[in-house]
Structures are given as C-alpha cells and as structure tokens.
C-alpha cells in the first residue's frame, strides 16, 4: 500500500508568498484532517469504551447489585425483628427505598417494588411513569432547541437516545431540503437582470466545482483501472485503490482523492504548488463543503454520547475524557462493592447498625444516599 502523503501547498524562499486562495486551501486541508482524525478517534474510543463496559463494568455491576439485594434483605430483616426509634426508622426507610429505586432501574421485579412501596408509602409504578414522562419531555425540548424542529409523539424514544438522535437529525436534514424545495417552487417576483446574472454565475460556478472533482476522479480511474493490468499482484493493488477512489468520489472527499493522486504519483508537490487560480477556487469550495459536513458529523456523534451519558449539552466532552469516565466508573464500582461487603458484615449485629444510624444523616436530594452517604463505620 502506498504511504499517505500530506496534501499541502508549499513555497520556496525565492518564490512569491502564498496567495490568499492558497492559504485558504492549506487551512481547509488542515481543518479537514483535524476533523477526520477527531471523528476516527471518537469512533475508535466509543467502540473501545463499549467493550470495556461489557467486560469490566457489567461484571462489577452484577456483583454490586447482588450485594445491594443482600443489604436490602438484611435491613428489612433487622427493621422487622428489632425495635428502632422513629428517627432510626426514617433513616432505614430512606436507605431501603433509595436502594430499591436504584435496583429497579435495571431489575423491575415485583419483590423490589413491594419492598419499595412498603417503606416509601407510595407506588413505584406510578412514580416511575411520572419521572419517565418528565425526563422524556426534557430531552425532547433539548433536541427541539438544538435542531430547531418539532418532535411529534412517537419520534423520540427515551430508552434509545442514540437511535432517536439519528432519526431526528435525518428529519432535520429532510425539513431543510423540503424548505429549500418549497422556497424554490413558490411563485417569485420577476427577477431583475442583476439577479438573473448572479444565478447564472452561481450555476456556472456549481458546474465548474463539480467538473473539478470529476476531473480528479477520471484521472485516477484512468490510471488505476484494474482490468488493464496483466500482473495479478498489481491488479489486486489497483482494485483496492479503485475502491478507495470510488468511496472518496461518492463522498465528495476531495482531500482523499488528492492524497491518492500523490500516493500513486499522478501529481507531485510542484503540481500542487501551481494549481491554477480558477481550479484552486473550485477546490476550496469543495473542501469548505466537506469541512462543514465533517463538523456536523462530529457534532452528532458527540451529541449522541452526551445523551447516552446524561450529560448537559454545554458540558465539555472529548474522547480522552470518555476513557477517563469509564475508568473512574470502574474504580467507583470497585470501591462501592468493598464498602457494602464490609457493612454487610458489620450490620449483622443490630447494635452496630443502631450505632451507625446515630451518625448517619439523610442526604439532600440528588445525592447518592446509600453509598456516598455512608460514613465510615468505626
């Protein structure tokens, strides 16, 4: 395989400095390369983190849930078998209901619901439905603000935010296209000669832009057509390169096409340095459109991950931070398991449980009550 060569316009000290169009070309190439690398890093990191979640987090989560169930049974048994003050009863009821609520997120067993209802004085199914409706409304409003669209009933599934985001982004693009088509079909005032001239100029420009990328494509296909190659090894190499050319042309990926031209030595640095001004203008238009599409793709990927992690839209997120978050989740889960195993042994003696309850304070809302709220037992 040919080594990837950097597409870049250079100038020698004895030559004139780069023109604004040449500087723009280099700048666009640099930005596109950055976005491509970021998108590839997101895709690779997300895949790796999903794998880590399956192989590391899931076993820990299962162990933690088993220990939490054991703690619930123990606290319920102690509550039923021994006498506690009203204050101690409130604390125990809070611990039991909060832990039941956490476990019911993944295990909707009737046994847990019964225990929750017993100590909360409410009905879990009713309360859960109300919370789910509120969360769905919040996420819908957030997506409506970001995309500027109206989300109809059934279009957003809070249980599958990634697929919902893809579906809504597609709707956003379709509505944009429909609005443009409707605007074009709407009766217009008679256009002035200046407007007609500008439209003709724009149409000519679009045609020239299309011809520019077609010219690069045709040069590559002419040189790499595998059917004209007799050597089997070379035919296989050209077949693989032709596949890359076809994909790049379909995606209007001018940068990739130019990289392939450099790789197969169809063009060299001298030709890059001397791209005609009109051709360079067309190249810059293609590259600018490509950059915008890549930026939208990166935005969508980051938005999907934010929704899956329940992060705020404005919260900073990067592939490196995603890896750190998964690692931190593993460490936190391990610490939780160690602590609850210790407390299970300690609370077997009701005297120890009562002594611990004296220092325990029911935490404020949105604070993890069962684990973060447990002070070290001494």
Protein backbone atom coordinates (compact mmCIF):
# COMPACT_ATOMS: atom_id res chain seq x y z
CA UNK A 1 0.00 0.00 0.00
CA UNK A 2 1.30 3.48 -0.82
CA UNK A 3 2.24 5.67 2.10
CA UNK A 4 -0.12 8.55 2.79
CA UNK A 5 1.41 11.83 1.65
CA UNK A 6 0.42 15.21 3.02
CA UNK A 7 -1.52 17.46 0.66
CA UNK A 8 -0.10 20.95 1.17
CA UNK A 9 0.91 23.91 -0.98
CA UNK A 10 4.47 24.97 -0.24
CA UNK A 11 6.59 27.88 -1.37
CA UNK A 12 10.35 28.25 -1.64
CA UNK A 13 12.13 31.26 -0.10
CA UNK A 14 12.85 32.59 -3.60
CA UNK A 15 9.19 32.39 -4.68
CA UNK A 16 6.36 34.82 -4.05
CA UNK A 17 4.41 34.24 -0.80
CA UNK A 18 1.27 32.13 -0.91
CA UNK A 19 -1.84 33.81 -2.28
CA UNK A 20 -4.98 34.13 -0.10
CA UNK A 21 -6.57 31.23 -2.04
CA UNK A 22 -3.50 29.04 -1.47
CA UNK A 23 -3.51 29.88 2.24
CA UNK A 24 -7.22 29.07 2.39
CA UNK A 25 -6.56 25.73 0.65
CA UNK A 26 -3.90 24.79 3.21
CA UNK A 27 -6.09 25.94 6.09
CA UNK A 28 -9.08 23.92 4.87
CA UNK A 29 -6.90 20.83 4.35
CA UNK A 30 -5.59 21.18 7.91
CA UNK A 31 -9.07 21.61 9.40
CA UNK A 32 -10.50 18.67 7.43
CA UNK A 33 -7.63 16.46 8.53
CA UNK A 34 -8.25 17.50 12.16
CA UNK A 35 -11.98 16.72 11.91
CA UNK A 36 -11.30 13.36 10.24
CA UNK A 37 -8.88 12.40 12.99
CA UNK A 38 -11.33 13.54 15.68
CA UNK A 39 -14.18 11.56 14.12
CA UNK A 40 -11.99 8.46 13.79
CA UNK A 41 -10.83 8.90 17.39
CA UNK A 42 -14.43 9.20 18.59
CA UNK A 43 -15.45 6.06 16.71
CA UNK A 44 -12.45 4.05 17.97
CA UNK A 45 -12.76 5.35 21.55
CA UNK A 46 -16.51 4.80 21.71
CA UNK A 47 -16.11 1.22 20.45
CA UNK A 48 -13.34 0.54 22.98
CA UNK A 49 -15.34 2.04 25.85
CA UNK A 50 -18.35 -0.08 24.91
CA UNK A 51 -16.09 -3.14 25.05
CA UNK A 52 -14.71 -2.08 28.45
CA UNK A 53 -18.24 -1.54 29.71
CA UNK A 54 -19.16 -5.09 28.71
CA UNK A 55 -16.03 -6.83 30.01
CA UNK A 56 -15.27 -4.74 33.12
CA UNK A 57 -18.26 -2.70 34.21
CA UNK A 58 -21.02 -5.25 33.65
CA UNK A 59 -19.49 -7.97 35.90
CA UNK A 60 -18.85 -5.36 38.61
CA UNK A 61 -22.38 -4.03 38.23
CA UNK A 62 -23.80 -7.53 38.63
CA UNK A 63 -21.72 -8.12 41.78
CA UNK A 64 -22.78 -4.77 43.22
CA UNK A 65 -26.46 -5.50 42.58
CA UNK A 66 -26.14 -8.85 44.33
CA UNK A 67 -24.59 -7.15 47.36
CA UNK A 68 -27.27 -4.44 47.34
CA UNK A 69 -30.00 -7.10 47.33
CA UNK A 70 -28.30 -8.78 50.26
CA UNK A 71 -28.19 -5.44 52.09
CA UNK A 72 -31.90 -4.84 51.44
CA UNK A 73 -32.81 -8.24 52.85
CA UNK A 74 -30.65 -7.62 55.91
CA UNK A 75 -32.06 -4.14 56.61
CA UNK A 76 -35.63 -5.36 56.11
CA UNK A 77 -35.00 -8.28 58.44
CA UNK A 78 -33.46 -6.06 61.13
CA UNK A 79 -36.26 -3.49 60.79
CA UNK A 80 -38.90 -6.21 61.22
CA UNK A 81 -37.15 -8.14 64.00
CA UNK A 82 -35.99 -5.30 66.26
CA UNK A 83 -37.26 -2.09 67.76
CA UNK A 84 -35.97 1.24 66.42
CA UNK A 85 -36.72 4.82 67.34
CA UNK A 86 -38.86 6.89 64.95
CA UNK A 87 -35.72 8.68 63.76
CA UNK A 88 -33.92 5.40 63.13
CA UNK A 89 -36.97 4.05 61.28
CA UNK A 90 -36.99 7.10 59.00
CA UNK A 91 -33.33 6.57 58.18
CA UNK A 92 -33.76 2.87 57.48
CA UNK A 93 -36.84 3.53 55.34
CA UNK A 94 -34.89 6.08 53.34
CA UNK A 95 -31.97 3.69 52.76
CA UNK A 96 -34.25 0.86 51.70
CA UNK A 97 -36.43 2.92 49.33
CA UNK A 98 -33.43 4.63 47.69
CA UNK A 99 -31.64 1.32 47.12
CA UNK A 100 -34.80 -0.31 45.79
CA UNK A 101 -35.27 2.60 43.40
CA UNK A 102 -31.70 2.25 42.12
CA UNK A 103 -32.02 -1.50 41.55
CA UNK A 104 -35.40 -1.13 39.88
CA UNK A 105 -33.73 0.84 37.10
CA UNK A 106 -32.40 -2.49 35.76
CA UNK A 107 -34.45 -5.09 37.64
CA UNK A 108 -38.18 -4.43 37.67
CA UNK A 109 -39.02 -7.38 39.92
CA UNK A 110 -42.26 -7.36 41.88
CA UNK A 111 -40.31 -8.23 45.03
CA UNK A 112 -38.34 -4.97 44.83
CA UNK A 113 -41.47 -2.96 44.02
CA UNK A 114 -43.26 -4.46 47.02
CA UNK A 115 -40.34 -3.57 49.28
CA UNK A 116 -40.19 -0.04 47.85
CA UNK A 117 -43.92 0.52 48.34
CA UNK A 118 -43.72 -0.87 51.90
CA UNK A 119 -41.10 1.63 53.04
CA UNK A 120 -41.90 4.63 50.84
CA UNK A 121 -45.66 4.73 51.35
CA UNK A 122 -46.11 5.33 47.62
CA UNK A 123 -46.49 3.31 44.43
CA UNK A 124 -43.35 2.72 42.41
CA UNK A 125 -45.00 2.18 39.01
CA UNK A 126 -46.95 5.44 39.24
CA UNK A 127 -43.95 7.46 40.38
CA UNK A 128 -41.63 5.90 37.76
CA UNK A 129 -44.04 6.73 34.95
CA UNK A 130 -44.25 10.34 36.09
CA UNK A 131 -40.45 10.65 36.20
CA UNK A 132 -40.06 8.99 32.80
CA UNK A 133 -42.56 11.41 31.27
CA UNK A 134 -40.70 14.38 32.76
CA UNK A 135 -37.32 13.11 31.53
CA UNK A 136 -38.69 12.43 28.04
CA UNK A 137 -40.16 15.93 27.87
CA UNK A 138 -36.84 17.46 28.93
CA UNK A 139 -34.85 15.52 26.32
CA UNK A 140 -37.40 16.33 23.62
CA UNK A 141 -37.22 20.03 24.44
CA UNK A 142 -33.42 19.90 24.38
CA UNK A 143 -33.38 18.24 20.93
CA UNK A 144 -36.00 20.66 19.62
CA UNK A 145 -33.86 23.60 20.72
CA UNK A 146 -30.67 22.17 19.23
CA UNK A 147 -32.15 21.13 15.88
CA UNK A 148 -34.91 23.70 15.62
CA UNK A 149 -37.59 21.11 14.80
CA UNK A 150 -40.90 19.99 16.29
CA UNK A 151 -40.75 16.44 17.66
CA UNK A 152 -44.01 14.57 17.25
CA UNK A 153 -45.32 11.79 19.51
CA UNK A 154 -43.51 8.51 18.88
CA UNK A 155 -40.47 10.12 17.22
CA UNK A 156 -38.37 10.19 20.38
CA UNK A 157 -37.67 7.08 22.46
CA UNK A 158 -36.00 7.98 25.81
CA UNK A 159 -34.88 4.36 26.15
CA UNK A 160 -32.87 4.58 22.91
CA UNK A 161 -31.47 8.14 22.70
CA UNK A 162 -28.76 7.26 20.15
CA UNK A 163 -31.22 5.92 17.55
CA UNK A 164 -33.60 8.78 18.34
CA UNK A 165 -30.86 11.37 17.75
CA UNK A 166 -30.02 9.82 14.37
CA UNK A 167 -33.69 9.74 13.40
CA UNK A 168 -34.24 13.36 14.41
CA UNK A 169 -31.08 14.57 12.68
CA UNK A 170 -32.35 12.89 9.48
CA UNK A 171 -35.69 14.66 9.94
CA UNK A 172 -33.84 17.95 10.43
CA UNK A 173 -31.97 17.48 7.14
CA UNK A 174 -35.18 16.47 5.34
CA UNK A 175 -37.02 19.53 6.61
CA UNK A 176 -34.17 21.72 5.44
CA UNK A 177 -34.36 20.16 1.99
CA UNK A 178 -38.17 20.47 1.90
CA UNK A 179 -37.98 24.13 2.93
CA UNK A 180 -35.47 24.80 0.19
CA UNK A 181 -37.64 22.95 -2.37
CA UNK A 182 -40.78 24.80 -1.24
CA UNK A 183 -38.98 28.10 -1.48
CA UNK A 184 -37.83 27.26 -4.98
CA UNK A 185 -41.37 26.21 -6.04
CA UNK A 186 -43.08 29.28 -4.56
CA UNK A 187 -44.08 31.92 -7.13
CA UNK A 188 -41.38 34.50 -7.21
CA UNK A 189 -41.35 38.09 -8.22
CA UNK A 190 -39.91 38.70 -11.61
CA UNK A 191 -36.17 38.66 -11.17
CA UNK A 192 -34.06 41.59 -12.11
CA UNK A 193 -31.35 41.34 -14.72
CA UNK A 194 -28.80 41.52 -11.90
CA UNK A 195 -30.42 38.59 -10.06
CA UNK A 196 -30.61 36.51 -13.23
CA UNK A 197 -26.98 37.21 -13.96
CA UNK A 198 -26.00 36.19 -10.42
CA UNK A 199 -27.99 32.95 -10.69
CA UNK A 200 -26.34 32.13 -14.00
CA UNK A 201 -22.97 32.83 -12.43
CA UNK A 202 -23.79 30.60 -9.43
CA UNK A 203 -24.97 27.78 -11.69
CA UNK A 204 -21.80 28.04 -13.74
CA UNK A 205 -19.74 28.03 -10.56
CA UNK A 206 -21.52 24.89 -9.28
CA UNK A 207 -20.94 23.16 -12.61
CA UNK A 208 -17.26 24.09 -12.54
CA UNK A 209 -16.93 22.82 -8.97
CA UNK A 210 -18.49 19.51 -10.00
CA UNK A 211 -16.22 19.29 -13.04
CA UNK A 212 -13.15 19.91 -10.86
CA UNK A 213 -13.76 16.90 -8.64
CA UNK A 214 -14.84 14.82 -11.66
CA UNK A 215 -11.54 15.65 -13.36
CA UNK A 216 -9.54 14.31 -10.39
CA UNK A 217 -11.74 11.20 -10.29
CA UNK A 218 -11.33 10.49 -14.00
CA UNK A 219 -7.54 10.89 -13.82
CA UNK A 220 -7.39 8.34 -11.03
CA UNK A 221 -9.76 5.82 -12.60
CA UNK A 222 -7.89 6.05 -15.89
CA UNK A 223 -4.57 5.26 -14.22
CA UNK A 224 -5.86 2.64 -11.77
CA UNK A 225 -8.36 0.64 -13.82
CA UNK A 226 -7.54 -2.96 -12.78
CA UNK A 227 -8.88 -4.58 -15.97
CA UNK A 228 -5.97 -3.09 -17.91
CA UNK A 229 -3.41 -4.66 -15.60
CA UNK A 230 -1.88 -8.03 -16.50
CA UNK A 231 0.15 -8.63 -13.33
CA UNK A 232 -2.10 -10.31 -10.68
CA UNK A 233 -0.40 -8.59 -7.72
CA UNK A 234 -0.59 -5.18 -9.34
CA UNK A 235 -4.21 -5.82 -10.37
CA UNK A 236 -5.12 -6.57 -6.75
CA UNK A 237 -3.38 -3.38 -5.59
CA UNK A 238 -5.19 -1.27 -8.17
CA UNK A 239 -8.52 -2.91 -7.33
CA UNK A 240 -8.12 -1.87 -3.69
CA UNK A 241 -7.09 1.65 -4.68
CA UNK A 242 -10.05 1.90 -7.08
CA UNK A 243 -12.38 1.01 -4.23
CA UNK A 244 -10.92 3.87 -2.19
CA UNK A 245 -11.29 6.22 -5.16
CA UNK A 246 -14.94 5.25 -5.67
CA UNK A 247 -15.80 5.75 -1.99
CA UNK A 248 -13.97 9.09 -1.87
CA UNK A 249 -15.71 10.34 -5.01
CA UNK A 250 -19.11 9.24 -3.71
CA UNK A 251 -18.44 11.21 -0.50
CA UNK A 252 -17.06 14.19 -2.45
CA UNK A 253 -13.89 13.71 -0.42
CA UNK A 254 -11.51 15.85 -2.47
CA UNK A 255 -8.76 15.60 0.15
CA UNK A 256 -8.73 11.80 -0.09
CA UNK A 257 -8.68 11.94 -3.89
CA UNK A 258 -5.72 14.33 -3.85
CA UNK A 259 -3.94 12.11 -1.32
CA UNK A 260 -4.44 9.15 -3.66
CA UNK A 261 -3.10 11.17 -6.58
CA UNK A 262 0.02 11.97 -4.57
CA UNK A 263 0.34 8.35 -3.44
CA UNK A 264 0.26 6.91 -6.96
CA UNK A 265 2.46 9.78 -8.21
CA UNK A 266 -0.14 11.23 -10.58
CA UNK A 267 0.69 14.63 -9.13
CA UNK A 268 3.73 15.89 -7.24
CA UNK A 269 4.50 18.83 -4.99
CA UNK A 270 5.28 21.06 -7.97
CA UNK A 271 1.81 20.49 -9.45
CA UNK A 272 0.21 21.20 -6.09
CA UNK A 273 2.17 24.43 -5.79
CA UNK A 274 0.97 25.55 -9.22
CA UNK A 275 -2.75 24.72 -9.22
CA UNK A 276 -4.45 27.26 -11.49
CA UNK A 277 -6.29 30.05 -9.68
CA UNK A 278 -9.73 29.12 -11.04
CA UNK A 279 -9.21 25.42 -10.24
CA UNK A 280 -7.99 26.33 -6.73
CA UNK A 281 -11.15 28.39 -6.18
CA UNK A 282 -13.27 25.36 -7.07
CA UNK A 283 -11.19 23.11 -4.85
CA UNK A 284 -11.69 25.49 -1.92
CA UNK A 285 -15.47 25.42 -2.42
CA UNK A 286 -15.48 21.60 -2.36
CA UNK A 287 -13.20 21.49 0.69
CA UNK A 288 -15.31 24.04 2.56
CA UNK A 289 -18.47 21.94 1.99
CA UNK A 290 -16.58 18.81 3.06
CA UNK A 291 -15.37 20.50 6.24
CA UNK A 292 -18.90 21.59 7.16
CA UNK A 293 -20.26 18.05 6.68
CA UNK A 294 -17.48 16.59 8.84
CA UNK A 295 -18.15 19.14 11.58
CA UNK A 296 -21.85 18.19 11.56
CA UNK A 297 -20.93 14.51 11.78
CA UNK A 298 -18.62 15.11 14.74
CA UNK A 299 -21.30 17.23 16.44
CA UNK A 300 -23.87 14.46 16.01
CA UNK A 301 -21.52 11.80 17.41
CA UNK A 302 -20.68 13.94 20.46
CA UNK A 303 -24.37 14.76 20.98
CA UNK A 304 -25.31 11.08 20.90
CA UNK A 305 -22.66 10.25 23.51
CA UNK A 306 -23.76 13.15 25.74
CA UNK A 307 -27.33 11.88 25.67
CA UNK A 308 -26.25 8.31 26.47
CA UNK A 309 -24.19 9.56 29.43
CA UNK A 310 -26.91 12.04 30.50
CA UNK A 311 -24.50 14.96 30.21
CA UNK A 312 -25.63 18.55 29.74
CA UNK A 313 -25.34 19.87 26.17
CA UNK A 314 -22.80 22.51 27.25
CA UNK A 315 -20.60 20.07 29.21
CA UNK A 316 -17.14 19.58 27.74
CA UNK A 317 -16.61 16.14 26.23
CA UNK A 318 -13.65 14.59 24.45
CA UNK A 319 -12.51 11.03 23.60
CA UNK A 320 -9.88 11.27 26.34
CA UNK A 321 -12.47 12.32 28.91
CA UNK A 322 -14.78 9.49 27.86
CA UNK A 323 -11.99 6.97 28.56
CA UNK A 324 -11.32 8.60 31.95
CA UNK A 325 -15.03 8.47 32.82
CA UNK A 326 -15.17 4.72 32.14
CA UNK A 327 -12.04 4.13 34.23
CA UNK A 328 -13.46 6.22 37.05
CA UNK A 329 -16.71 4.25 36.87
CA UNK A 330 -14.73 1.01 37.28
CA UNK A 331 -12.84 2.35 40.31
CA UNK A 332 -16.01 3.73 41.88
CA UNK A 333 -17.83 0.44 41.39
CA UNK A 334 -14.96 -1.49 43.00
CA UNK A 335 -14.98 0.87 45.99
CA UNK A 336 -18.75 0.51 46.37
CA UNK A 337 -18.51 -3.27 46.41
CA UNK A 338 -15.77 -3.21 49.05
CA UNK A 339 -17.76 -0.83 51.26
CA UNK A 340 -21.07 -2.67 51.07
CA UNK A 341 -19.40 -6.03 51.76
CA UNK A 342 -17.83 -4.52 54.87
CA UNK A 343 -21.14 -3.03 56.00
CA UNK A 344 -22.98 -6.31 55.42
CA UNK A 345 -20.65 -7.99 57.90
CA UNK A 346 -20.95 -5.13 60.39
CA UNK A 347 -24.75 -4.76 60.30
CA UNK A 348 -25.37 -8.41 61.11
CA UNK A 349 -25.21 -7.20 64.73
CA UNK A 350 -28.18 -4.86 65.28
CA UNK A 351 -26.19 -2.95 67.91
CA UNK A 352 -23.65 -1.99 65.28
CA UNK A 353 -26.45 -0.95 62.92
CA UNK A 354 -28.04 1.27 65.55
CA UNK A 355 -24.70 2.79 66.47
CA UNK A 356 -24.04 3.57 62.79
CA UNK A 357 -27.52 5.11 62.35
CA UNK A 358 -26.71 7.70 65.05
CA UNK A 359 -24.11 9.34 62.79
CA UNK A 360 -25.97 8.81 59.53
CA UNK A 361 -27.79 11.80 58.06
CA UNK A 362 -30.36 11.56 55.30
CA UNK A 363 -28.66 13.37 52.41
CA UNK A 364 -30.07 16.20 50.38
CA UNK A 365 -31.83 15.30 47.11
CA UNK A 366 -29.65 14.28 44.12
CA UNK A 367 -27.01 12.87 46.48
CA UNK A 368 -26.20 9.15 46.39
CA UNK A 369 -27.84 8.08 49.65
CA UNK A 370 -26.76 4.51 50.00
CA UNK A 371 -23.05 4.61 49.22
CA UNK A 372 -21.78 8.19 49.13
CA UNK A 373 -23.96 8.91 52.16
CA UNK A 374 -22.45 6.11 54.29
CA UNK A 375 -19.85 7.47 56.70
CA UNK A 376 -17.00 5.05 57.53
CA UNK A 377 -18.11 2.79 60.34
CA UNK A 378 -15.82 2.86 63.34
